[in-house]
Amino acid sequence: MKNIIKNIKKESPLSHIGTMINQIREDTRMTQSELADKIGTTQSVIARIEKGEQNLSTETLSKISEALNREIIQFAPKGKINFRIEGGHKLSGKIIVRTSKIGAVGVLCASLLNKNVTTIKNAPKIEEVYRIIEVLESIGVKIEWKNTDLIIASILIF
């Protein structure tokens, strides 16, 4: 698969998904018209999807996944969505998440997957965050507060 990450600039989530669909479609040497026929729509709809200009239903995503013989997104129990990342390409960048007090706990735990430094901006100073910091520090993770930001340097090697 071509380097999808390189081609994605600061785009909307729909644009990210559209770019991924475009790359997978091109990798399978399928035209927009052929994909459209397989999922029961028009070529112009596929073009809008790939440009990130078309809202997507879960049903449409499922049809596209089946037509391309690739799982674009996977729906897990209880409505959770898992994204599959393929490649061997280095991932980097920023994500913006909706703020919630407990959301920082999940991001702190996810920071273990990053071999580099993770920064959580405007981290809430709440009891749950302090407890997770204690747990992570007990297993060797270096964590530092800089004003309202948390700087996490995982030294774990998996």
N, C-alpha and C. Protein backbone atom coordinates (compact mmCIF):
# COMPACT_ATOMS: atom_id res chain seq x y z
N MET A 1 0.85 -1.18 0.00
CA MET A 1 0.00 0.00 0.00
C MET A 1 0.88 1.23 0.00
N LYS A 2 0.49 2.21 -0.75
CA LYS A 2 1.26 3.46 -0.80
C LYS A 2 1.25 4.12 0.56
N ASN A 3 2.16 5.02 0.76
CA ASN A 3 2.26 5.70 2.05
C ASN A 3 1.10 6.67 2.21
N ILE A 4 0.06 6.21 2.87
CA ILE A 4 -1.14 7.02 3.07
C ILE A 4 -0.84 8.21 3.95
N ILE A 5 -0.05 8.01 4.98
CA ILE A 5 0.22 9.07 5.94
C ILE A 5 0.86 10.28 5.24
N LYS A 6 1.78 10.02 4.31
CA LYS A 6 2.47 11.10 3.63
C LYS A 6 1.49 11.97 2.84
N ASN A 7 0.45 11.35 2.32
CA ASN A 7 -0.49 12.08 1.48
C ASN A 7 -1.56 12.82 2.26
N ILE A 8 -1.67 12.56 3.54
CA ILE A 8 -2.71 13.19 4.34
C ILE A 8 -2.16 14.44 4.99
N LYS A 9 -2.75 15.57 4.67
CA LYS A 9 -2.34 16.82 5.29
C LYS A 9 -3.37 17.11 6.37
N LYS A 10 -3.45 18.36 6.79
CA LYS A 10 -4.44 18.71 7.79
C LYS A 10 -5.81 18.69 7.13
N GLU A 11 -6.50 17.59 7.27
CA GLU A 11 -7.78 17.37 6.63
C GLU A 11 -8.82 16.97 7.66
N SER A 12 -10.04 16.98 7.23
CA SER A 12 -11.13 16.54 8.09
C SER A 12 -11.09 15.02 8.19
N PRO A 13 -11.77 14.45 9.18
CA PRO A 13 -11.83 12.98 9.28
C PRO A 13 -12.38 12.34 8.01
N LEU A 14 -13.37 12.97 7.38
CA LEU A 14 -13.90 12.43 6.13
C LEU A 14 -12.83 12.41 5.04
N SER A 15 -11.99 13.43 5.01
CA SER A 15 -10.91 13.47 4.02
C SER A 15 -9.89 12.36 4.27
N HIS A 16 -9.60 12.10 5.55
CA HIS A 16 -8.68 11.01 5.89
C HIS A 16 -9.23 9.68 5.38
N ILE A 17 -10.49 9.43 5.67
CA ILE A 17 -11.12 8.17 5.25
C ILE A 17 -11.17 8.12 3.72
N GLY A 18 -11.53 9.24 3.08
CA GLY A 18 -11.59 9.28 1.63
C GLY A 18 -10.24 9.00 0.99
N THR A 19 -9.18 9.57 1.56
CA THR A 19 -7.83 9.33 1.05
C THR A 19 -7.47 7.86 1.18
N MET A 20 -7.82 7.26 2.32
CA MET A 20 -7.53 5.85 2.53
C MET A 20 -8.30 4.99 1.52
N ILE A 21 -9.57 5.29 1.30
CA ILE A 21 -10.36 4.53 0.33
C ILE A 21 -9.76 4.66 -1.06
N ASN A 22 -9.36 5.88 -1.42
CA ASN A 22 -8.74 6.12 -2.73
C ASN A 22 -7.48 5.29 -2.89
N GLN A 23 -6.62 5.28 -1.87
CA GLN A 23 -5.36 4.53 -1.94
C GLN A 23 -5.62 3.03 -2.08
N ILE A 24 -6.56 2.51 -1.29
CA ILE A 24 -6.86 1.08 -1.36
C ILE A 24 -7.45 0.74 -2.73
N ARG A 25 -8.35 1.59 -3.21
CA ARG A 25 -8.97 1.35 -4.52
C ARG A 25 -7.90 1.34 -5.61
N GLU A 26 -7.01 2.31 -5.59
CA GLU A 26 -5.94 2.36 -6.59
C GLU A 26 -4.99 1.18 -6.47
N ASP A 27 -4.70 0.76 -5.24
CA ASP A 27 -3.82 -0.39 -5.04
C ASP A 27 -4.42 -1.67 -5.61
N THR A 28 -5.74 -1.74 -5.60
CA THR A 28 -6.42 -2.93 -6.16
C THR A 28 -6.72 -2.76 -7.64
N ARG A 29 -6.26 -1.64 -8.21
CA ARG A 29 -6.44 -1.34 -9.64
C ARG A 29 -7.91 -1.33 -10.05
N MET A 30 -8.72 -0.74 -9.19
CA MET A 30 -10.15 -0.63 -9.47
C MET A 30 -10.46 0.83 -9.78
N THR A 31 -11.31 1.06 -10.76
CA THR A 31 -11.71 2.43 -11.09
C THR A 31 -12.82 2.87 -10.15
N GLN A 32 -13.06 4.17 -10.11
CA GLN A 32 -14.17 4.69 -9.31
C GLN A 32 -15.50 4.12 -9.81
N SER A 33 -15.63 3.99 -11.12
CA SER A 33 -16.88 3.44 -11.70
C SER A 33 -17.08 1.99 -11.28
N GLU A 34 -16.00 1.21 -11.28
CA GLU A 34 -16.11 -0.20 -10.88
C GLU A 34 -16.51 -0.31 -9.41
N LEU A 35 -15.91 0.52 -8.56
CA LEU A 35 -16.28 0.51 -7.14
C LEU A 35 -17.73 0.93 -6.97
N ALA A 36 -18.13 1.95 -7.69
CA ALA A 36 -19.51 2.43 -7.61
C ALA A 36 -20.49 1.32 -7.99
N ASP A 37 -20.21 0.60 -9.08
CA ASP A 37 -21.08 -0.51 -9.50
C ASP A 37 -21.18 -1.58 -8.41
N LYS A 38 -20.05 -1.88 -7.77
CA LYS A 38 -20.04 -2.93 -6.75
C LYS A 38 -20.86 -2.57 -5.52
N ILE A 39 -20.93 -1.26 -5.19
CA ILE A 39 -21.68 -0.89 -3.98
C ILE A 39 -23.04 -0.28 -4.29
N GLY A 40 -23.38 -0.20 -5.57
CA GLY A 40 -24.71 0.28 -5.95
C GLY A 40 -24.87 1.78 -5.88
N THR A 41 -23.87 2.51 -6.36
CA THR A 41 -23.96 3.97 -6.38
C THR A 41 -23.36 4.48 -7.69
N THR A 42 -23.06 5.74 -7.75
CA THR A 42 -22.51 6.33 -8.97
C THR A 42 -21.04 6.68 -8.79
N GLN A 43 -20.36 6.88 -9.91
CA GLN A 43 -18.96 7.26 -9.88
C GLN A 43 -18.78 8.61 -9.20
N SER A 44 -19.73 9.53 -9.39
CA SER A 44 -19.59 10.86 -8.79
C SER A 44 -19.67 10.79 -7.26
N VAL A 45 -20.44 9.85 -6.72
CA VAL A 45 -20.50 9.66 -5.26
C VAL A 45 -19.14 9.17 -4.76
N ILE A 46 -18.54 8.22 -5.48
CA ILE A 46 -17.21 7.71 -5.08
C ILE A 46 -16.19 8.84 -5.13
N ALA A 47 -16.26 9.68 -6.14
CA ALA A 47 -15.33 10.82 -6.24
C ALA A 47 -15.50 11.74 -5.04
N ARG A 48 -16.75 12.01 -4.64
CA ARG A 48 -16.98 12.88 -3.47
C ARG A 48 -16.50 12.21 -2.19
N ILE A 49 -16.69 10.91 -2.07
CA ILE A 49 -16.21 10.17 -0.89
C ILE A 49 -14.69 10.31 -0.80
N GLU A 50 -14.01 10.09 -1.91
CA GLU A 50 -12.55 10.12 -1.91
C GLU A 50 -12.00 11.52 -1.67
N LYS A 51 -12.78 12.54 -1.97
CA LYS A 51 -12.37 13.92 -1.70
C LYS A 51 -12.75 14.36 -0.29
N GLY A 52 -13.48 13.52 0.43
CA GLY A 52 -13.93 13.88 1.78
C GLY A 52 -15.11 14.82 1.77
N GLU A 53 -15.86 14.82 0.70
CA GLU A 53 -17.00 15.73 0.56
C GLU A 53 -18.34 15.02 0.71
N GLN A 54 -18.32 13.76 1.08
CA GLN A 54 -19.55 12.97 1.18
C GLN A 54 -19.62 12.34 2.56
N ASN A 55 -20.72 12.57 3.28
CA ASN A 55 -20.91 11.89 4.55
C ASN A 55 -21.06 10.40 4.30
N LEU A 56 -20.54 9.61 5.21
CA LEU A 56 -20.57 8.16 5.05
C LEU A 56 -21.36 7.51 6.16
N SER A 57 -22.22 6.61 5.79
CA SER A 57 -22.93 5.82 6.80
C SER A 57 -22.10 4.57 7.08
N THR A 58 -22.39 3.92 8.17
CA THR A 58 -21.69 2.67 8.48
C THR A 58 -22.02 1.62 7.42
N GLU A 59 -23.22 1.68 6.88
CA GLU A 59 -23.60 0.74 5.82
C GLU A 59 -22.75 0.95 4.57
N THR A 60 -22.54 2.21 4.19
CA THR A 60 -21.71 2.51 3.02
C THR A 60 -20.27 2.07 3.25
N LEU A 61 -19.74 2.36 4.43
CA LEU A 61 -18.37 1.93 4.75
C LEU A 61 -18.25 0.41 4.69
N SER A 62 -19.26 -0.28 5.16
CA SER A 62 -19.26 -1.73 5.12
C SER A 62 -19.27 -2.24 3.68
N LYS A 63 -20.09 -1.62 2.83
CA LYS A 63 -20.14 -2.02 1.42
C LYS A 63 -18.81 -1.76 0.72
N ILE A 64 -18.20 -0.62 1.01
CA ILE A 64 -16.90 -0.29 0.40
C ILE A 64 -15.84 -1.30 0.86
N SER A 65 -15.84 -1.61 2.15
CA SER A 65 -14.88 -2.59 2.68
C SER A 65 -15.02 -3.93 1.96
N GLU A 66 -16.27 -4.36 1.79
CA GLU A 66 -16.52 -5.64 1.13
C GLU A 66 -16.09 -5.59 -0.34
N ALA A 67 -16.41 -4.49 -1.03
CA ALA A 67 -16.06 -4.36 -2.45
C ALA A 67 -14.55 -4.32 -2.66
N LEU A 68 -13.83 -3.70 -1.75
CA LEU A 68 -12.37 -3.59 -1.86
C LEU A 68 -11.66 -4.78 -1.22
N ASN A 69 -12.44 -5.64 -0.58
CA ASN A 69 -11.89 -6.80 0.12
C ASN A 69 -10.87 -6.40 1.17
N ARG A 70 -11.15 -5.26 1.83
CA ARG A 70 -10.29 -4.72 2.88
C ARG A 70 -11.18 -4.14 3.96
N GLU A 71 -10.87 -4.40 5.18
CA GLU A 71 -11.62 -3.85 6.29
C GLU A 71 -11.15 -2.43 6.55
N ILE A 72 -11.98 -1.45 6.25
CA ILE A 72 -11.61 -0.05 6.45
C ILE A 72 -11.77 0.33 7.91
N ILE A 73 -12.92 0.05 8.47
CA ILE A 73 -13.09 0.19 9.91
C ILE A 73 -13.78 -1.05 10.41
N GLN A 74 -13.55 -1.34 11.66
CA GLN A 74 -14.11 -2.53 12.26
C GLN A 74 -14.98 -2.09 13.43
N PHE A 75 -16.19 -2.60 13.46
CA PHE A 75 -17.09 -2.26 14.55
C PHE A 75 -17.01 -3.35 15.60
N ALA A 76 -16.62 -2.95 16.77
CA ALA A 76 -16.46 -3.87 17.88
C ALA A 76 -17.74 -3.88 18.71
N PRO A 77 -17.85 -4.81 19.65
CA PRO A 77 -19.03 -4.84 20.51
C PRO A 77 -19.25 -3.50 21.23
N LYS A 78 -20.46 -3.21 21.55
CA LYS A 78 -20.87 -2.01 22.28
C LYS A 78 -20.59 -0.73 21.50
N GLY A 79 -20.59 -0.79 20.16
CA GLY A 79 -20.49 0.40 19.34
C GLY A 79 -19.12 1.03 19.24
N LYS A 80 -18.10 0.39 19.77
CA LYS A 80 -16.75 0.95 19.67
C LYS A 80 -16.23 0.73 18.25
N ILE A 81 -15.39 1.64 17.79
CA ILE A 81 -14.83 1.54 16.44
C ILE A 81 -13.33 1.36 16.56
N ASN A 82 -12.81 0.38 15.84
CA ASN A 82 -11.38 0.14 15.79
C ASN A 82 -10.89 0.44 14.39
N PHE A 83 -9.79 1.17 14.26
CA PHE A 83 -9.19 1.44 12.96
C PHE A 83 -8.00 0.53 12.80
N ARG A 84 -7.85 -0.07 11.66
CA ARG A 84 -6.71 -0.92 11.37
C ARG A 84 -5.69 -0.10 10.60
N ILE A 85 -4.48 -0.08 11.09
CA ILE A 85 -3.41 0.66 10.42
C ILE A 85 -2.46 -0.36 9.83
N GLU A 86 -2.25 -0.28 8.54
CA GLU A 86 -1.35 -1.19 7.85
C GLU A 86 -0.13 -0.43 7.38
N GLY A 87 0.93 -1.15 7.22
CA GLY A 87 2.05 -0.44 6.66
C GLY A 87 3.35 -0.75 7.32
N GLY A 88 4.08 -0.18 7.89
CA GLY A 88 5.43 -0.25 8.36
C GLY A 88 5.95 1.15 8.26
N HIS A 89 5.02 2.06 8.10
CA HIS A 89 5.40 3.46 7.98
C HIS A 89 5.35 4.10 9.36
N LYS A 90 6.30 4.94 9.62
CA LYS A 90 6.34 5.66 10.89
C LYS A 90 5.14 6.59 10.98
N LEU A 91 4.43 6.50 12.08
CA LEU A 91 3.29 7.37 12.30
C LEU A 91 3.70 8.51 13.22
N SER A 92 3.25 9.68 12.89
CA SER A 92 3.50 10.81 13.77
C SER A 92 2.41 11.83 13.52
N GLY A 93 2.28 12.75 14.44
CA GLY A 93 1.29 13.80 14.24
C GLY A 93 0.61 14.16 15.53
N LYS A 94 -0.49 14.85 15.38
CA LYS A 94 -1.25 15.32 16.53
C LYS A 94 -2.69 14.85 16.38
N ILE A 95 -3.31 14.62 17.50
CA ILE A 95 -4.75 14.36 17.49
C ILE A 95 -5.40 15.34 18.44
N ILE A 96 -6.58 15.72 18.11
CA ILE A 96 -7.35 16.59 18.99
C ILE A 96 -8.54 15.77 19.45
N VAL A 97 -8.66 15.63 20.74
CA VAL A 97 -9.77 14.85 21.29
C VAL A 97 -10.70 15.78 22.05
N ARG A 98 -11.93 15.37 22.15
CA ARG A 98 -12.86 16.13 22.95
C ARG A 98 -12.44 16.01 24.40
N THR A 99 -12.51 17.10 25.08
CA THR A 99 -12.04 17.07 26.45
C THR A 99 -13.07 16.44 27.37
N SER A 100 -12.58 15.60 28.21
CA SER A 100 -13.37 15.04 29.29
C SER A 100 -12.39 14.76 30.41
N LYS A 101 -12.87 14.84 31.61
CA LYS A 101 -11.96 14.64 32.74
C LYS A 101 -11.28 13.28 32.68
N ILE A 102 -12.06 12.26 32.38
CA ILE A 102 -11.52 10.91 32.41
C ILE A 102 -10.82 10.55 31.10
N GLY A 103 -11.03 11.33 30.03
CA GLY A 103 -10.40 11.05 28.75
C GLY A 103 -8.89 11.07 28.82
N ALA A 104 -8.33 11.90 29.66
CA ALA A 104 -6.87 11.97 29.81
C ALA A 104 -6.30 10.66 30.31
N VAL A 105 -7.06 9.91 31.09
CA VAL A 105 -6.59 8.62 31.61
C VAL A 105 -6.32 7.67 30.45
N GLY A 106 -7.24 7.61 29.50
CA GLY A 106 -7.05 6.74 28.33
C GLY A 106 -5.85 7.17 27.49
N VAL A 107 -5.69 8.48 27.31
CA VAL A 107 -4.57 8.98 26.52
C VAL A 107 -3.25 8.69 27.24
N LEU A 108 -3.23 8.82 28.56
CA LEU A 108 -2.02 8.49 29.32
C LEU A 108 -1.64 7.03 29.09
N CYS A 109 -2.59 6.14 29.16
CA CYS A 109 -2.31 4.72 28.95
C CYS A 109 -1.87 4.46 27.51
N ALA A 110 -2.53 5.11 26.55
CA ALA A 110 -2.16 4.94 25.14
C ALA A 110 -0.76 5.47 24.86
N SER A 111 -0.28 6.40 25.65
CA SER A 111 1.05 6.96 25.42
C SER A 111 2.14 5.90 25.53
N LEU A 112 1.83 4.78 26.18
CA LEU A 112 2.81 3.69 26.27
C LEU A 112 3.15 3.12 24.90
N LEU A 113 2.25 3.28 23.95
CA LEU A 113 2.49 2.75 22.60
C LEU A 113 3.46 3.61 21.81
N ASN A 114 3.73 4.81 22.29
CA ASN A 114 4.61 5.74 21.60
C ASN A 114 6.01 5.61 22.16
N LYS A 115 6.96 5.33 21.30
CA LYS A 115 8.36 5.23 21.75
C LYS A 115 8.97 6.60 22.01
N ASN A 116 8.33 7.64 21.50
CA ASN A 116 8.83 8.99 21.66
C ASN A 116 8.05 9.71 22.76
N VAL A 117 8.15 11.01 22.77
CA VAL A 117 7.49 11.81 23.79
C VAL A 117 6.04 12.09 23.38
N THR A 118 5.14 11.98 24.32
CA THR A 118 3.73 12.32 24.12
C THR A 118 3.42 13.52 24.98
N THR A 119 2.73 14.50 24.41
CA THR A 119 2.32 15.67 25.17
C THR A 119 0.81 15.73 25.22
N ILE A 120 0.27 15.85 26.40
CA ILE A 120 -1.17 16.05 26.58
C ILE A 120 -1.36 17.49 27.02
N LYS A 121 -1.93 18.28 26.15
CA LYS A 121 -2.13 19.70 26.46
C LYS A 121 -3.40 19.87 27.29
N ASN A 122 -3.33 20.80 28.23
CA ASN A 122 -4.47 21.12 29.11
C ASN A 122 -5.00 19.89 29.83
N ALA A 123 -4.09 19.08 30.34
CA ALA A 123 -4.49 17.87 31.07
C ALA A 123 -5.18 18.26 32.37
N PRO A 124 -6.27 17.60 32.70
CA PRO A 124 -6.97 17.93 33.94
C PRO A 124 -6.19 17.43 35.15
N LYS A 125 -6.14 18.24 36.16
CA LYS A 125 -5.45 17.84 37.40
C LYS A 125 -6.50 17.27 38.34
N ILE A 126 -6.81 15.99 38.08
CA ILE A 126 -7.83 15.29 38.87
C ILE A 126 -7.22 14.02 39.44
N GLU A 127 -7.90 13.47 40.42
CA GLU A 127 -7.40 12.30 41.15
C GLU A 127 -7.10 11.12 40.23
N GLU A 128 -7.98 10.85 39.27
CA GLU A 128 -7.77 9.71 38.37
C GLU A 128 -6.49 9.85 37.57
N VAL A 129 -6.20 11.06 37.10
CA VAL A 129 -4.98 11.31 36.34
C VAL A 129 -3.76 11.09 37.24
N TYR A 130 -3.82 11.61 38.46
CA TYR A 130 -2.68 11.41 39.39
C TYR A 130 -2.44 9.93 39.68
N ARG A 131 -3.51 9.13 39.80
CA ARG A 131 -3.35 7.70 40.08
C ARG A 131 -2.70 6.99 38.91
N ILE A 132 -3.13 7.31 37.68
CA ILE A 132 -2.51 6.67 36.51
C ILE A 132 -1.06 7.09 36.39
N ILE A 133 -0.76 8.34 36.67
CA ILE A 133 0.64 8.81 36.64
C ILE A 133 1.47 7.99 37.61
N GLU A 134 0.95 7.75 38.81
CA GLU A 134 1.67 6.94 39.79
C GLU A 134 1.95 5.53 39.26
N VAL A 135 0.95 4.92 38.64
CA VAL A 135 1.11 3.57 38.10
C VAL A 135 2.16 3.57 36.99
N LEU A 136 2.05 4.53 36.06
CA LEU A 136 3.01 4.59 34.95
C LEU A 136 4.42 4.85 35.44
N GLU A 137 4.58 5.76 36.41
CA GLU A 137 5.91 6.03 36.95
C GLU A 137 6.48 4.80 37.66
N SER A 138 5.61 3.99 38.26
CA SER A 138 6.09 2.79 38.96
C SER A 138 6.66 1.75 38.00
N ILE A 139 6.32 1.85 36.71
CA ILE A 139 6.88 0.91 35.74
C ILE A 139 7.93 1.56 34.84
N GLY A 140 8.39 2.74 35.24
CA GLY A 140 9.52 3.35 34.56
C GLY A 140 9.22 4.46 33.58
N VAL A 141 7.97 4.88 33.47
CA VAL A 141 7.63 5.96 32.55
C VAL A 141 7.97 7.29 33.21
N LYS A 142 8.61 8.17 32.46
CA LYS A 142 8.95 9.51 32.97
C LYS A 142 7.83 10.47 32.58
N ILE A 143 7.25 11.11 33.59
CA ILE A 143 6.14 12.04 33.35
C ILE A 143 6.44 13.34 34.07
N GLU A 144 6.19 14.44 33.37
CA GLU A 144 6.47 15.76 33.92
C GLU A 144 5.32 16.71 33.59
N TRP A 145 4.94 17.51 34.58
CA TRP A 145 3.96 18.57 34.35
C TRP A 145 4.69 19.82 33.91
N LYS A 146 4.23 20.46 32.87
CA LYS A 146 4.71 21.79 32.47
C LYS A 146 3.47 22.65 32.34
N ASN A 147 3.24 23.44 33.38
CA ASN A 147 2.01 24.23 33.49
C ASN A 147 0.81 23.27 33.46
N THR A 148 -0.01 23.35 32.42
CA THR A 148 -1.17 22.46 32.35
C THR A 148 -0.93 21.30 31.40
N ASP A 149 0.28 21.18 30.86
CA ASP A 149 0.59 20.11 29.92
C ASP A 149 1.32 18.96 30.62
N LEU A 150 1.02 17.75 30.19
CA LEU A 150 1.71 16.56 30.68
C LEU A 150 2.67 16.10 29.59
N ILE A 151 3.92 15.88 29.95
CA ILE A 151 4.93 15.39 29.02
C ILE A 151 5.25 13.97 29.46
N ILE A 152 5.02 13.00 28.57
CA ILE A 152 5.21 11.59 28.89
C ILE A 152 6.32 11.02 28.01
N ALA A 153 7.35 10.49 28.63
CA ALA A 153 8.46 9.87 27.89
C ALA A 153 8.51 8.41 28.29
N SER A 154 7.95 7.55 27.47
CA SER A 154 7.94 6.13 27.75
C SER A 154 9.32 5.56 27.50
N ILE A 155 9.86 4.87 28.48
CA ILE A 155 11.17 4.23 28.29
C ILE A 155 11.01 2.72 28.20
N LEU A 156 9.76 2.30 28.05
CA LEU A 156 9.50 0.87 27.96
C LEU A 156 9.85 0.36 26.57
N ILE A 157 10.39 -0.83 26.51
CA ILE A 157 10.70 -1.46 25.23
C ILE A 157 9.91 -2.75 25.15
N PHE A 158 9.06 -2.83 24.12
CA PHE A 158 8.21 -4.00 23.96
C PHE A 158 8.81 -4.95 22.97
